[in-house]
Amino acid sequence: MAYHGEVTITQGSQSISGNYTSVTAKFYAVRDSGYAYSGYTTHAKCTLDGTTESKTVDGFDLSSSNPRVLLGTITKNVKHNADGKKTVSASFTWDSENSYVGTLKRKCN
């Protein structure tokens, strides 16, 4: 595949008294190979544990010298279960507006 979307989840600080942890999801457009991607408007949407962040990015470039572009970041405090544990997931959609790339989706737990 020449292009794909990527989402990462990072755990931040934890509040034992508040029973939550700060969690951040970052979502990226990535070029593996193929033609350079340049100048198109991109729409990206990331949902982290039920909270959605939408971004529109104009005119960025994906090329062999710049193969990974951060499209957006979402951070939220995630409540733990009664036992202090919680599984968090994020989903990501990148609508490139380029017929060679199309719409790409990713999910991460």
Protein backbone atom coordinates (compact mmCIF):
# COMPACT_ATOMS: atom_id res chain seq x y z
CA MET A 1 0.00 0.00 0.00
CA ALA A 2 1.42 3.37 -0.94
CA TYR A 3 -0.33 5.36 1.80
CA HIS A 4 -1.94 4.59 5.11
CA GLY A 5 -3.33 6.24 8.20
CA GLU A 6 -1.68 5.70 11.57
CA VAL A 7 -2.96 6.32 15.08
CA THR A 8 -0.96 6.03 18.30
CA ILE A 9 -2.23 6.00 21.89
CA THR A 10 -0.06 7.22 24.77
CA GLN A 11 -0.85 7.07 28.47
CA GLY A 12 -0.12 10.24 30.43
CA SER A 13 -0.49 11.10 34.09
CA GLN A 14 -2.81 9.19 36.38
CA SER A 15 -5.05 10.51 39.16
CA ILE A 16 -5.78 7.83 41.73
CA SER A 17 -8.07 10.11 43.74
CA GLY A 18 -9.92 11.23 40.57
CA ASN A 19 -9.95 7.66 39.18
CA TYR A 20 -8.75 8.71 35.69
CA THR A 21 -5.71 8.72 33.41
CA SER A 22 -4.81 11.28 30.76
CA VAL A 23 -4.64 9.57 27.35
CA THR A 24 -3.48 11.06 24.03
CA ALA A 25 -4.14 9.78 20.51
CA LYS A 26 -2.11 11.20 17.61
CA PHE A 27 -3.20 10.56 14.04
CA TYR A 28 -0.92 10.63 11.00
CA ALA A 29 -0.93 10.38 7.22
CA VAL A 30 1.90 8.08 6.09
CA ARG A 31 3.47 7.44 2.67
CA ASP A 32 5.08 4.03 2.20
CA SER A 33 5.83 4.29 -1.51
CA GLY A 34 4.33 5.49 -4.77
CA TYR A 35 3.72 9.03 -5.92
CA ALA A 36 4.30 11.99 -3.63
CA TYR A 37 1.12 13.41 -2.13
CA SER A 38 1.05 17.18 -2.30
CA GLY A 39 -1.35 20.08 -2.05
CA TYR A 40 -4.62 18.29 -1.41
CA THR A 41 -7.09 19.18 1.30
CA THR A 42 -7.30 16.40 3.87
CA HIS A 43 -10.09 15.65 6.31
CA ALA A 44 -9.21 13.52 9.29
CA LYS A 45 -11.31 12.33 12.19
CA CYS A 46 -10.11 10.51 15.31
CA THR A 47 -12.31 9.07 18.05
CA LEU A 48 -10.67 8.30 21.39
CA ASP A 49 -12.82 6.50 23.95
CA GLY A 50 -15.99 8.13 22.60
CA THR A 51 -14.62 11.67 22.06
CA THR A 52 -14.14 12.78 18.43
CA GLU A 53 -11.74 15.37 17.02
CA SER A 54 -12.05 16.44 13.38
CA LYS A 55 -9.36 18.29 11.44
CA THR A 56 -9.05 19.80 7.99
CA VAL A 57 -5.48 20.24 6.77
CA ASP A 58 -4.67 22.07 3.53
CA GLY A 59 -1.66 21.57 1.31
CA PHE A 60 0.73 19.32 3.21
CA ASP A 61 3.29 17.14 1.41
CA LEU A 62 4.04 13.43 1.78
CA SER A 63 7.21 12.42 -0.02
CA SER A 64 10.27 10.23 0.45
CA SER A 65 11.88 13.02 2.50
CA ASN A 66 8.69 13.69 4.51
CA PRO A 67 6.90 10.31 4.75
CA ARG A 68 4.83 10.92 7.93
CA VAL A 69 2.66 13.98 8.73
CA LEU A 70 0.85 14.59 12.02
CA LEU A 71 -2.74 15.54 11.19
CA GLY A 72 -4.05 16.00 14.71
CA THR A 73 -3.99 15.17 18.40
CA ILE A 74 -6.76 14.42 20.87
CA THR A 75 -6.25 14.21 24.65
CA LYS A 76 -8.82 13.29 27.26
CA ASN A 77 -9.08 12.08 30.83
CA VAL A 78 -10.34 8.51 30.74
CA LYS A 79 -12.19 7.18 33.80
CA HIS A 80 -10.99 3.83 35.15
CA ASN A 81 -13.16 0.89 36.05
CA ALA A 82 -13.69 0.16 39.75
CA ASP A 83 -10.57 -2.08 39.72
CA GLY A 84 -8.43 0.78 38.33
CA LYS A 85 -8.17 -0.73 34.84
CA LYS A 86 -9.52 0.48 31.50
CA THR A 87 -9.02 -0.60 27.89
CA VAL A 88 -8.99 2.38 25.55
CA SER A 89 -9.44 2.34 21.80
CA ALA A 90 -9.10 4.94 19.07
CA SER A 91 -10.34 4.91 15.50
CA PHE A 92 -9.11 7.14 12.72
CA THR A 93 -10.41 8.05 9.27
CA TRP A 94 -8.37 9.97 6.69
CA ASP A 95 -10.31 11.27 3.66
CA SER A 96 -7.53 12.43 1.34
CA GLU A 97 -9.61 13.87 -1.54
CA ASN A 98 -7.10 12.19 -3.86
CA SER A 99 -8.34 9.32 -6.03
CA TYR A 100 -5.00 7.46 -5.67
CA VAL A 101 -5.30 7.47 -1.88
CA GLY A 102 -9.04 7.55 -1.20
CA THR A 103 -10.35 7.11 2.36
CA LEU A 104 -8.24 5.14 4.82
CA LYS A 105 -9.27 3.84 8.24
CA ARG A 106 -7.35 2.53 11.25
CA LYS A 107 -8.22 1.30 14.72
CA CYS A 108 -5.91 0.97 17.70
CA ASN A 109 -6.39 -0.54 21.19
